[in-house]
Amino acid sequence: MTGELLHDSLRTSAEAAPDKDAVVDEYGRRTHSELFDDAFRFARALQDEGLHRGDRVVLYLDNTAACSAAIFGVLMAGGVFTVVNSQTKAAKLAYVLDDSEASILVTEAHSADVAAAAVAKANASTVQRVYGVGDDLPAAFAGFRETIESTAGKPIDPGTAPSDLATLVYTSGTTGRPKGVMLSHESLVFTIGSIAEYLRLEPGDRILSVLPMAFTYGLSQLLLTARLGATLLLERSFTFPAKTLKRMRDEKATVFPAVPTVYVTIAGMSHEAPYASVRCLTNAAADLPPAFHERLRVVFPEAALYRMYGLTECVRVCYLEPALVEQKPTSVGKAIPRTEALVLDERAQPVKAGEVGVLHARGPHVMMGYWRAPELTAHMLRESPGGRMLCTHDHFTVDEDGDLYFVDRSDDIIKTRGEKVSTVEVEGALHDIPGVRQAAVVGVPDELLGQAVRAYVVLEEGAVMGEQELIRACRARIENFMVPREVVLVSELPLTESGKVRKRDLTEQT
């Protein structure tokens, strides 16, 4: 491990390529030197406001250059940042403010009412100052841009150590309240370096991101940009696919990180021509059904597809070399460089090839723990001779080459007729059926079977299929005990803020 801090990379890129675009958003362009200067000034403003080493700052912001500058500014000041998705409601924002004991909140002008309500709702609010990005701010808010432009002097060295906490990332909270995942400077510096290495990213890359920076997959795009001296093309979301894809073409994006729901949408659209500038596609957050691989090759003919698996608690665990995607279309490959990924049985012993076990990750990328939750931390982490080991509680198999295969989340395994059914495998069979756009599979209570397999399916536009036709098509593809007993046709699937299917909402419809 080096003595590097997470924000050091921005200073390096500002010195090496001062006039190169760092972040391009809907409002304009900020070069590496401009982004560094914004962060530098905001850091001093935070210190003038009384921010000390380790104090928490919540950033309730859109995917913008302002959010990017705020992240690095908090780090330069010695603080800990938490990005909260700008679609989050007041109650959840209030919970994050309370739980983190944040002293500073930064929000968008268009979210000012929600931010004010959240501060008022917080049980024991520690928020001392609210900054607003944009015009027409409430009188009590300080202007973010105005503060930066009026602040002089450089930040005082806060004495930050590489082992210090850099960010609290609150999980999407599909079950229970969100948990604050603690990631240190040294952990993120290591992880970002490893990701840049295996993706073979370069300073000339232009990364188009629709991923919220509230989640590590989106945040890592900014951190990669600073580390490489590359360019980040930020979109607020993927709400308007045609607009995003036009920008991809106009800006000649070379890297496109996304989640399966985004790729499924793109695969179902008509395109006037392929997107030839894109050389790297990455998929994480959820499994991308192999049925979509070929469709994506048509749309992105020059792009290598990286199938990856990760989770907030260590950002990234493994990836599959693109050259193996055709040979092993359901694999997520091997551990990222200089880490370990182990599939262990109930006795904590490595499983044999083809056997199902629980994935564990070991290395410098593993989280420090959960914020103020020692019991939960103990459930996920344990010390081992090779360092801290994270139990993902997700089921995997490994083949004879050492490549990993995701089976299912521990709470998504369906037990029916005495058999264990992988929802991923059933969803893969459904996605293989022509005319199926999206599918999600859940287990529902059944007196005879214990649990019955139920599928929710979104059809392609113009496709006409009924429940029995889909069940017959599944029967031709998978074992009988895996075939859905019921198929429900829906217009859309409920999604979390990070783009995963919210299966809990589906099971509550039973």
Protein backbone atom coordinates (compact mmCIF):
# COMPACT_ATOMS: atom_id res chain seq x y z
CA MET A 1 0.00 0.00 0.00
CA THR A 2 1.23 3.51 -0.77
CA GLY A 3 0.84 6.71 1.20
CA GLU A 4 -1.40 8.16 -1.53
CA LEU A 5 -4.67 9.86 -0.64
CA LEU A 6 -7.74 9.58 -2.83
CA HIS A 7 -7.71 13.23 -3.91
CA ASP A 8 -4.00 13.32 -4.79
CA SER A 9 -4.84 12.07 -8.28
CA LEU A 10 -6.76 15.25 -9.11
CA ARG A 11 -3.74 17.43 -8.33
CA THR A 12 -1.60 15.16 -10.52
CA SER A 13 -4.02 15.30 -13.46
CA ALA A 14 -4.39 19.09 -13.11
CA GLU A 15 -0.61 19.46 -13.35
CA ALA A 16 -0.20 16.96 -16.20
CA ALA A 17 -3.16 18.02 -18.36
CA PRO A 18 -4.47 21.35 -17.05
CA ASP A 19 -6.45 22.33 -20.15
CA LYS A 20 -7.99 18.95 -20.88
CA ASP A 21 -11.69 18.41 -20.19
CA ALA A 22 -12.16 16.58 -16.88
CA VAL A 23 -15.94 16.64 -16.49
CA VAL A 24 -18.53 17.53 -19.10
CA ASP A 25 -22.13 17.85 -17.92
CA GLU A 26 -25.33 19.46 -19.18
CA TYR A 27 -24.13 22.85 -17.94
CA GLY A 28 -20.73 22.93 -19.60
CA ARG A 29 -17.13 21.75 -19.34
CA ARG A 30 -14.58 21.88 -16.53
CA THR A 31 -10.94 21.18 -17.27
CA HIS A 32 -8.73 19.25 -14.86
CA SER A 33 -7.19 22.50 -13.59
CA GLU A 34 -10.62 24.14 -13.19
CA LEU A 35 -12.01 21.13 -11.33
CA PHE A 36 -8.97 21.11 -9.05
CA ASP A 37 -9.32 24.84 -8.38
CA ASP A 38 -13.04 24.45 -7.56
CA ALA A 39 -12.28 21.61 -5.14
CA PHE A 40 -9.31 23.47 -3.62
CA ARG A 41 -11.39 26.58 -2.89
CA PHE A 42 -14.35 24.59 -1.57
CA ALA A 43 -12.01 22.73 0.78
CA ARG A 44 -10.85 26.02 2.28
CA ALA A 45 -14.45 27.25 2.56
CA LEU A 46 -15.39 24.08 4.45
CA GLN A 47 -12.49 24.56 6.83
CA ASP A 48 -13.48 28.20 7.34
CA GLU A 49 -16.94 26.86 8.22
CA GLY A 50 -15.38 24.70 10.93
CA LEU A 51 -15.00 21.34 9.19
CA HIS A 52 -12.37 19.14 10.84
CA ARG A 53 -10.65 15.89 9.94
CA GLY A 54 -13.21 13.08 9.86
CA ASP A 55 -16.32 15.30 9.82
CA ARG A 56 -19.07 14.12 7.48
CA VAL A 57 -20.52 16.05 4.54
CA VAL A 58 -23.65 14.89 2.69
CA LEU A 59 -23.86 15.71 -1.02
CA TYR A 60 -27.48 15.57 -2.18
CA LEU A 61 -26.58 16.31 -5.78
CA ASP A 62 -27.13 15.38 -9.41
CA ASN A 63 -24.41 13.84 -11.60
CA THR A 64 -22.61 17.11 -12.33
CA ALA A 65 -19.24 18.84 -12.26
CA ALA A 66 -20.40 20.56 -9.06
CA CYS A 67 -20.84 17.19 -7.36
CA SER A 68 -17.41 16.13 -8.64
CA ALA A 69 -15.76 19.26 -7.23
CA ALA A 70 -17.60 18.87 -3.92
CA ILE A 71 -16.37 15.28 -3.51
CA PHE A 72 -12.73 16.25 -3.97
CA GLY A 73 -13.18 19.41 -1.91
CA VAL A 74 -14.46 17.46 1.09
CA LEU A 75 -11.49 15.09 0.83
CA MET A 76 -8.98 17.95 0.57
CA ALA A 77 -10.48 19.48 3.70
CA GLY A 78 -10.01 16.20 5.57
CA GLY A 79 -13.70 15.35 5.62
CA VAL A 80 -15.74 12.28 4.74
CA PHE A 81 -18.24 12.56 1.89
CA THR A 82 -21.55 10.79 1.37
CA VAL A 83 -23.33 11.20 -1.96
CA VAL A 84 -27.10 10.76 -1.76
CA ASN A 85 -29.07 10.14 -4.94
CA SER A 86 -30.89 13.31 -5.98
CA GLN A 87 -34.17 11.35 -6.31
CA THR A 88 -34.10 10.42 -2.61
CA LYS A 89 -37.08 11.62 -0.55
CA ALA A 90 -36.89 13.74 2.61
CA ALA A 91 -37.38 10.88 5.09
CA LYS A 92 -34.44 8.86 3.79
CA LEU A 93 -32.23 11.93 3.46
CA ALA A 94 -33.07 12.81 7.07
CA TYR A 95 -32.06 9.29 8.11
CA VAL A 96 -28.67 9.65 6.38
CA LEU A 97 -28.10 13.07 7.97
CA ASP A 98 -28.93 11.62 11.38
CA ASP A 99 -26.98 8.41 11.01
CA SER A 100 -23.83 10.07 9.64
CA GLU A 101 -24.11 13.09 11.96
CA ALA A 102 -23.27 15.29 9.00
CA SER A 103 -22.23 18.87 9.72
CA ILE A 104 -22.59 20.11 6.13
CA LEU A 105 -25.23 19.46 3.45
CA VAL A 106 -24.84 20.41 -0.22
CA THR A 107 -27.95 20.30 -2.39
CA GLU A 108 -29.34 21.39 -5.74
CA ALA A 109 -31.54 24.48 -5.92
CA HIS A 110 -34.36 22.36 -7.38
CA SER A 111 -34.12 20.05 -4.33
CA ALA A 112 -34.02 22.85 -1.77
CA ASP A 113 -37.49 22.13 -0.36
CA VAL A 114 -36.69 18.44 0.13
CA ALA A 115 -33.33 19.28 1.70
CA ALA A 116 -34.89 21.79 4.10
CA ALA A 117 -37.59 19.28 5.05
CA ALA A 118 -34.95 16.61 5.69
CA VAL A 119 -32.95 18.87 7.98
CA ALA A 120 -36.16 19.69 9.86
CA LYS A 121 -37.09 15.98 10.10
CA ALA A 122 -33.69 14.87 11.39
CA ASN A 123 -34.05 13.83 15.02
CA ALA A 124 -30.86 15.45 16.24
CA SER A 125 -29.63 17.37 13.25
CA THR A 126 -25.97 18.30 13.40
CA VAL A 127 -26.12 20.20 10.10
CA GLN A 128 -24.52 23.61 10.59
CA ARG A 129 -24.51 24.85 7.01
CA VAL A 130 -26.38 24.09 3.78
CA TYR A 131 -24.85 24.98 0.41
CA GLY A 132 -27.01 25.19 -2.69
CA VAL A 133 -26.02 24.67 -6.33
CA GLY A 134 -27.96 26.87 -8.73
CA ASP A 135 -30.12 29.99 -8.60
CA ASP A 136 -33.08 31.13 -6.47
CA LEU A 137 -31.82 29.55 -3.26
CA PRO A 138 -33.53 29.97 0.12
CA ALA A 139 -32.04 32.81 2.15
CA ALA A 140 -30.59 30.37 4.70
CA PHE A 141 -28.55 28.53 2.04
CA ALA A 142 -25.07 29.60 0.95
CA GLY A 143 -24.43 29.59 -2.80
CA PHE A 144 -21.97 26.85 -3.78
CA ARG A 145 -20.51 28.64 -6.82
CA GLU A 146 -20.51 32.00 -5.05
CA THR A 147 -18.67 30.47 -2.09
CA ILE A 148 -16.00 28.99 -4.35
CA GLU A 149 -15.48 32.24 -6.25
CA SER A 150 -15.22 34.35 -3.09
CA THR A 151 -12.89 32.05 -1.14
CA ALA A 152 -9.17 32.81 -1.08
CA GLY A 153 -6.24 31.00 0.45
CA LYS A 154 -5.29 27.36 0.31
CA PRO A 155 -6.72 24.66 2.58
CA ILE A 156 -4.89 23.88 5.81
CA ASP A 157 -3.32 20.42 5.74
CA PRO A 158 -5.73 18.37 7.88
CA GLY A 159 -3.23 15.56 8.41
CA THR A 160 -5.32 12.94 6.64
CA ALA A 161 -3.80 9.45 6.72
CA PRO A 162 -4.30 6.79 4.01
CA SER A 163 -6.10 4.61 6.56
CA ASP A 164 -8.66 7.36 7.28
CA LEU A 165 -12.28 7.02 6.24
CA ALA A 166 -12.88 8.68 2.84
CA THR A 167 -16.54 8.00 2.18
CA LEU A 168 -19.67 6.52 3.67
CA VAL A 169 -21.68 4.83 0.94
CA TYR A 170 -25.24 4.08 1.97
CA THR A 171 -26.57 0.93 0.35
CA SER A 172 -29.81 1.10 -1.60
CA GLY A 173 -31.69 -0.51 1.28
CA THR A 174 -33.90 -3.03 -0.53
CA THR A 175 -34.30 -4.74 2.84
CA GLY A 176 -34.37 -2.69 6.02
CA ARG A 177 -32.67 0.64 6.57
CA PRO A 178 -29.66 1.68 4.49
CA LYS A 179 -26.25 0.72 5.88
CA GLY A 180 -23.26 3.05 5.79
CA VAL A 181 -20.36 1.20 4.16
CA MET A 182 -17.00 2.62 5.29
CA LEU A 183 -14.34 2.88 2.57
CA SER A 184 -10.90 4.30 3.33
CA HIS A 185 -8.53 6.36 1.19
CA GLU A 186 -6.07 3.48 0.81
CA SER A 187 -8.83 1.01 -0.05
CA LEU A 188 -10.24 3.18 -2.83
CA VAL A 189 -6.81 4.17 -4.16
CA PHE A 190 -5.97 0.48 -4.47
CA THR A 191 -9.32 -0.49 -6.00
CA ILE A 192 -9.35 2.28 -8.60
CA GLY A 193 -5.80 1.40 -9.62
CA SER A 194 -6.78 -2.25 -10.00
CA ILE A 195 -9.88 -1.41 -12.07
CA ALA A 196 -7.91 0.91 -14.36
CA GLU A 197 -5.37 -1.87 -14.87
CA TYR A 198 -7.71 -4.69 -15.81
CA LEU A 199 -9.98 -2.49 -17.97
CA ARG A 200 -6.84 -1.22 -19.74
CA LEU A 201 -8.05 2.37 -19.45
CA GLU A 202 -5.95 5.24 -20.81
CA PRO A 203 -5.70 9.04 -20.41
CA GLY A 204 -7.36 9.44 -23.81
CA ASP A 205 -10.52 7.63 -22.75
CA ARG A 206 -13.86 9.43 -22.62
CA ILE A 207 -16.16 7.74 -20.10
CA LEU A 208 -19.90 8.27 -20.54
CA SER A 209 -21.66 7.61 -17.23
CA VAL A 210 -25.38 7.50 -16.48
CA LEU A 211 -24.67 5.86 -13.10
CA PRO A 212 -25.46 7.81 -9.91
CA MET A 213 -22.36 8.77 -7.94
CA ALA A 214 -24.27 7.75 -4.82
CA PHE A 215 -23.19 4.19 -5.64
CA THR A 216 -19.66 2.86 -5.97
CA TYR A 217 -20.11 1.84 -9.61
CA GLY A 218 -20.93 5.45 -10.52
CA LEU A 219 -18.44 7.00 -8.09
CA SER A 220 -15.62 4.89 -9.48
CA GLN A 221 -16.06 6.54 -12.91
CA LEU A 222 -15.12 9.92 -11.42
CA LEU A 223 -12.22 8.47 -9.46
CA LEU A 224 -10.93 6.67 -12.57
CA THR A 225 -11.15 9.91 -14.55
CA ALA A 226 -9.00 11.78 -12.03
CA ARG A 227 -6.48 8.95 -11.72
CA LEU A 228 -6.02 8.64 -15.48
CA GLY A 229 -6.38 12.27 -16.48
CA ALA A 230 -9.26 11.14 -18.69
CA THR A 231 -12.60 12.82 -19.49
CA LEU A 232 -15.93 12.04 -17.80
CA LEU A 233 -19.15 12.70 -19.72
CA LEU A 234 -21.87 12.88 -17.08
CA GLU A 235 -25.57 12.24 -17.61
CA ARG A 236 -28.09 12.77 -14.82
CA SER A 237 -29.68 9.42 -15.62
CA PHE A 238 -30.77 7.17 -18.48
CA THR A 239 -34.30 8.59 -18.49
CA PHE A 240 -33.98 9.71 -22.12
CA PRO A 241 -32.03 6.94 -23.90
CA ALA A 242 -32.06 8.56 -27.35
CA LYS A 243 -30.56 11.77 -25.92
CA THR A 244 -27.84 9.84 -24.08
CA LEU A 245 -26.94 7.79 -27.15
CA LYS A 246 -26.78 10.91 -29.32
CA ARG A 247 -24.36 12.39 -26.83
CA MET A 248 -22.35 9.17 -26.90
CA ARG A 249 -21.94 9.59 -30.64
CA ASP A 250 -21.35 13.36 -30.62
CA GLU A 251 -18.76 13.24 -27.82
CA LYS A 252 -17.08 10.11 -29.21
CA ALA A 253 -17.31 8.22 -25.93
CA THR A 254 -14.89 5.30 -25.63
CA VAL A 255 -16.03 3.69 -22.36
CA PHE A 256 -19.62 2.98 -21.34
CA PRO A 257 -20.27 1.51 -17.88
CA ALA A 258 -23.87 0.43 -17.32
CA VAL A 259 -26.26 -1.99 -15.65
CA PRO A 260 -28.38 -4.69 -17.34
CA THR A 261 -31.54 -2.58 -17.48
CA VAL A 262 -29.67 0.03 -19.53
CA TYR A 263 -28.21 -2.55 -21.91
CA VAL A 264 -31.60 -4.25 -22.32
CA THR A 265 -33.13 -0.91 -23.31
CA ILE A 266 -30.34 -0.18 -25.82
CA ALA A 267 -30.59 -3.67 -27.32
CA GLY A 268 -34.31 -3.15 -27.92
CA MET A 269 -33.91 0.19 -29.71
CA SER A 270 -33.31 0.84 -33.40
CA HIS A 271 -30.04 2.64 -34.22
CA GLU A 272 -29.14 4.55 -37.37
CA ALA A 273 -25.55 3.26 -37.14
CA PRO A 274 -23.30 1.41 -34.68
CA TYR A 275 -21.45 3.35 -31.97
CA ALA A 276 -17.97 2.71 -33.31
CA SER A 277 -16.05 4.96 -30.89
CA VAL A 278 -16.93 2.79 -27.87
CA ARG A 279 -14.16 0.29 -27.15
CA CYS A 280 -15.11 -0.81 -23.63
CA LEU A 281 -18.46 -1.85 -22.12
CA THR A 282 -18.68 -2.82 -18.46
CA ASN A 283 -21.53 -4.53 -16.66
CA ALA A 284 -21.96 -4.77 -12.90
CA ALA A 285 -24.74 -4.40 -10.27
CA ALA A 286 -26.67 -7.40 -11.64
CA ASP A 287 -26.18 -10.26 -14.08
CA LEU A 288 -26.40 -9.48 -17.80
CA PRO A 289 -28.18 -12.40 -19.49
CA PRO A 290 -26.01 -13.93 -22.25
CA ALA A 291 -28.95 -13.57 -24.65
CA PHE A 292 -28.08 -9.86 -24.91
CA HIS A 293 -24.36 -10.30 -25.68
CA GLU A 294 -24.86 -10.73 -29.43
CA ARG A 295 -27.31 -7.83 -29.64
CA LEU A 296 -24.77 -5.55 -27.96
CA ARG A 297 -22.04 -6.65 -30.38
CA VAL A 298 -24.19 -5.34 -33.23
CA VAL A 299 -24.68 -1.96 -31.54
CA PHE A 300 -21.09 -1.68 -30.25
CA PRO A 301 -19.01 -3.64 -32.80
CA GLU A 302 -15.62 -2.35 -31.58
CA ALA A 303 -16.28 -2.78 -27.86
CA ALA A 304 -14.90 -5.39 -25.49
CA LEU A 305 -17.51 -6.48 -22.93
CA TYR A 306 -16.34 -6.84 -19.34
CA ARG A 307 -18.66 -8.96 -17.21
CA MET A 308 -17.99 -8.05 -13.58
CA TYR A 309 -19.25 -8.77 -10.10
CA GLY A 310 -18.97 -6.36 -7.23
CA LEU A 311 -20.73 -5.05 -4.18
CA THR A 312 -20.53 -1.83 -2.21
CA GLU A 313 -18.51 -3.49 0.55
CA CYS A 314 -15.45 -3.84 -1.71
CA VAL A 315 -16.52 -2.10 -4.95
CA ARG A 316 -15.31 -4.88 -7.28
CA VAL A 317 -14.54 -8.57 -6.70
CA CYS A 318 -13.92 -10.14 -10.11
CA TYR A 319 -14.11 -9.71 -13.87
CA LEU A 320 -14.04 -11.90 -16.96
CA GLU A 321 -11.51 -11.23 -19.69
CA PRO A 322 -13.51 -10.15 -22.78
CA ALA A 323 -11.78 -12.82 -24.89
CA LEU A 324 -13.54 -15.46 -22.77
CA VAL A 325 -17.07 -14.01 -22.94
CA GLU A 326 -18.11 -16.17 -25.89
CA GLN A 327 -16.57 -19.30 -24.36
CA LYS A 328 -17.90 -18.65 -20.84
CA PRO A 329 -20.93 -16.37 -21.31
CA THR A 330 -22.25 -16.77 -17.75
CA SER A 331 -18.94 -16.39 -15.90
CA VAL A 332 -17.69 -13.31 -14.04
CA GLY A 333 -14.11 -14.50 -14.22
CA LYS A 334 -11.36 -14.22 -11.64
CA ALA A 335 -10.46 -11.86 -8.80
CA ILE A 336 -9.33 -8.36 -9.71
CA PRO A 337 -5.52 -7.90 -9.68
CA ARG A 338 -3.74 -8.37 -6.32
CA THR A 339 -6.82 -9.68 -4.48
CA GLU A 340 -8.39 -13.07 -3.76
CA ALA A 341 -11.89 -14.41 -4.43
CA LEU A 342 -12.65 -17.72 -2.69
CA VAL A 343 -15.75 -19.92 -2.90
CA LEU A 344 -16.03 -21.67 0.47
CA ASP A 345 -18.31 -24.34 1.93
CA GLU A 346 -19.97 -24.34 5.36
CA ARG A 347 -16.67 -25.42 6.97
CA ALA A 348 -14.83 -22.49 5.34
CA GLN A 349 -13.05 -24.87 2.96
CA PRO A 350 -12.71 -24.26 -0.81
CA VAL A 351 -15.39 -26.05 -2.82
CA LYS A 352 -14.61 -28.42 -5.67
CA ALA A 353 -15.21 -27.37 -9.27
CA GLY A 354 -18.94 -27.27 -9.98
CA GLU A 355 -20.01 -27.24 -6.32
CA VAL A 356 -21.96 -24.32 -4.87
CA GLY A 357 -20.46 -22.30 -2.05
CA VAL A 358 -20.39 -18.76 -0.68
CA LEU A 359 -18.08 -16.18 -2.24
CA HIS A 360 -15.51 -14.51 0.01
CA ALA A 361 -13.23 -11.63 -0.98
CA ARG A 362 -9.86 -10.84 0.59
CA GLY A 363 -7.56 -7.93 -0.12
CA PRO A 364 -6.97 -4.19 0.34
CA HIS A 365 -10.25 -3.42 -1.43
CA VAL A 366 -12.41 -4.73 1.43
CA MET A 367 -14.37 -2.18 3.48
CA MET A 368 -13.44 -1.02 6.98
CA GLY A 369 -16.87 -2.11 8.18
CA TYR A 370 -20.38 -0.71 8.59
CA TRP A 371 -20.78 2.70 10.18
CA ARG A 372 -21.57 2.29 13.87
CA ALA A 373 -22.84 -1.27 13.37
CA PRO A 374 -20.30 -3.63 14.98
CA GLU A 375 -22.61 -6.66 15.04
CA LEU A 376 -23.40 -6.35 11.34
CA THR A 377 -19.72 -5.79 10.60
CA ALA A 378 -18.83 -8.98 12.48
CA HIS A 379 -21.41 -10.85 10.39
CA MET A 380 -19.69 -9.79 7.15
CA LEU A 381 -15.99 -9.48 8.05
CA ARG A 382 -13.43 -11.68 9.72
CA GLU A 383 -9.69 -11.47 10.12
CA SER A 384 -7.67 -14.14 8.34
CA PRO A 385 -3.95 -14.81 7.81
CA GLY A 386 -4.08 -13.07 4.43
CA GLY A 387 -5.95 -10.00 5.70
CA ARG A 388 -9.54 -8.93 6.21
CA MET A 389 -12.01 -11.31 4.53
CA LEU A 390 -15.48 -10.26 3.39
CA CYS A 391 -18.27 -12.81 3.23
CA THR A 392 -20.57 -11.72 0.41
CA HIS A 393 -23.30 -14.24 1.39
CA ASP A 394 -23.82 -14.78 -2.35
CA HIS A 395 -23.74 -18.25 -3.87
CA PHE A 396 -21.14 -19.05 -6.54
CA THR A 397 -19.53 -21.98 -8.29
CA VAL A 398 -16.02 -22.17 -9.71
CA ASP A 399 -14.83 -24.14 -12.74
CA GLU A 400 -11.59 -26.08 -13.22
CA ASP A 401 -9.89 -22.96 -14.62
CA GLY A 402 -10.73 -20.99 -11.48
CA ASP A 403 -13.37 -18.83 -13.17
CA LEU A 404 -16.34 -17.83 -11.02
CA TYR A 405 -20.07 -18.18 -11.76
CA PHE A 406 -22.75 -16.28 -9.89
CA VAL A 407 -25.57 -18.58 -8.79
CA ASP A 408 -27.80 -16.33 -6.71
CA ARG A 409 -28.06 -13.93 -3.82
CA SER A 410 -28.39 -15.87 -0.61
CA ASP A 411 -31.91 -14.56 -0.08
CA ASP A 412 -32.96 -15.19 -3.72
CA ILE A 413 -32.53 -18.97 -3.79
CA ILE A 414 -35.94 -20.61 -4.25
CA LYS A 415 -36.47 -23.93 -2.47
CA THR A 416 -39.17 -25.87 -4.28
CA ARG A 417 -40.00 -29.59 -4.36
CA GLY A 418 -36.89 -30.24 -2.30
CA GLU A 419 -34.73 -28.61 -5.00
CA LYS A 420 -32.83 -25.33 -4.99
CA VAL A 421 -33.66 -23.07 -7.93
CA SER A 422 -31.39 -20.27 -9.09
CA THR A 423 -33.47 -17.28 -10.12
CA VAL A 424 -30.59 -16.19 -12.36
CA GLU A 425 -30.80 -19.44 -14.34
CA VAL A 426 -34.57 -19.16 -14.80
CA GLU A 427 -34.26 -15.50 -15.79
CA GLY A 428 -31.59 -16.50 -18.31
CA ALA A 429 -33.98 -19.01 -19.88
CA LEU A 430 -36.71 -16.38 -20.12
CA HIS A 431 -34.36 -13.82 -21.68
CA ASP A 432 -33.44 -16.43 -24.29
CA ILE A 433 -37.04 -16.49 -25.55
CA PRO A 434 -37.53 -14.20 -28.59
CA GLY A 435 -39.87 -11.35 -27.68
CA VAL A 436 -38.92 -11.18 -23.98
CA ARG A 437 -37.35 -7.88 -23.02
CA GLN A 438 -36.94 -8.25 -19.25
CA ALA A 439 -37.69 -10.91 -16.67
CA ALA A 440 -37.51 -11.24 -12.90
CA VAL A 441 -38.11 -14.45 -10.97
CA VAL A 442 -39.17 -14.78 -7.32
CA GLY A 443 -40.32 -17.49 -4.97
CA VAL A 444 -43.84 -17.31 -3.51
CA PRO A 445 -45.28 -19.37 -0.63
CA ASP A 446 -46.94 -22.64 -1.64
CA GLU A 447 -48.46 -25.21 0.74
CA LEU A 448 -47.45 -28.19 -1.39
CA LEU A 449 -44.11 -27.07 -2.85
CA GLY A 450 -42.83 -24.89 -0.02
CA GLN A 451 -42.16 -22.19 -2.60
CA ALA A 452 -43.40 -21.87 -6.16
CA VAL A 453 -41.47 -20.20 -8.97
CA ARG A 454 -43.16 -17.08 -10.30
CA ALA A 455 -41.86 -14.98 -13.20
CA TYR A 456 -42.62 -11.37 -14.04
CA VAL A 457 -42.03 -10.63 -17.73
CA VAL A 458 -41.86 -7.48 -19.84
CA LEU A 459 -42.33 -8.18 -23.56
CA GLU A 460 -40.67 -6.40 -26.45
CA GLU A 461 -42.84 -3.81 -28.17
CA GLY A 462 -45.13 -5.61 -30.61
CA ALA A 463 -44.50 -9.07 -29.15
CA VAL A 464 -47.61 -11.14 -28.40
CA MET A 465 -47.25 -14.08 -26.01
CA GLY A 466 -49.33 -15.52 -23.23
CA GLU A 467 -48.47 -17.18 -19.94
CA GLN A 468 -48.72 -20.75 -21.20
CA GLU A 469 -46.61 -20.05 -24.27
CA LEU A 470 -43.85 -18.65 -22.07
CA ILE A 471 -44.07 -21.60 -19.69
CA ARG A 472 -43.77 -24.04 -22.62
CA ALA A 473 -40.75 -22.14 -23.93
CA CYS A 474 -39.12 -22.38 -20.49
CA ARG A 475 -39.84 -26.11 -20.32
CA ALA A 476 -37.80 -26.56 -23.50
CA ARG A 477 -34.84 -24.75 -21.94
CA ILE A 478 -34.56 -25.74 -18.25
CA GLU A 479 -35.37 -28.59 -15.89
CA ASN A 480 -39.01 -29.12 -14.99
CA PHE A 481 -38.60 -28.15 -11.33
CA MET A 482 -37.19 -24.78 -12.43
CA VAL A 483 -40.02 -23.92 -14.82
CA PRO A 484 -42.19 -21.07 -13.50
CA ARG A 485 -45.53 -22.23 -12.20
CA GLU A 486 -46.93 -18.80 -13.01
CA VAL A 487 -45.91 -16.01 -15.39
CA VAL A 488 -47.20 -12.49 -14.85
CA LEU A 489 -46.97 -10.05 -17.77
CA VAL A 490 -46.17 -6.49 -16.69
CA SER A 491 -45.35 -3.23 -18.46
CA GLU A 492 -42.23 -2.58 -16.36
CA LEU A 493 -40.26 -3.94 -13.41
CA PRO A 494 -39.68 -1.94 -10.20
CA LEU A 495 -36.05 -0.85 -9.92
CA THR A 496 -33.80 0.35 -7.12
CA GLU A 497 -31.90 3.62 -7.48
CA SER A 498 -28.88 1.63 -8.68
CA GLY A 499 -30.84 -0.13 -11.45
CA LYS A 500 -31.41 -3.52 -9.82
CA VAL A 501 -34.84 -5.15 -9.89
CA ARG A 502 -36.59 -4.55 -6.58
CA LYS A 503 -37.72 -8.13 -6.02
CA ARG A 504 -39.10 -7.39 -2.60
CA ASP A 505 -41.76 -5.22 -4.24
CA LEU A 506 -42.69 -8.14 -6.49
CA THR A 507 -43.00 -10.63 -3.63
CA GLU A 508 -45.16 -8.19 -1.68
CA GLN A 509 -47.67 -8.28 -4.57
CA THR A 510 -48.45 -11.93 -3.81
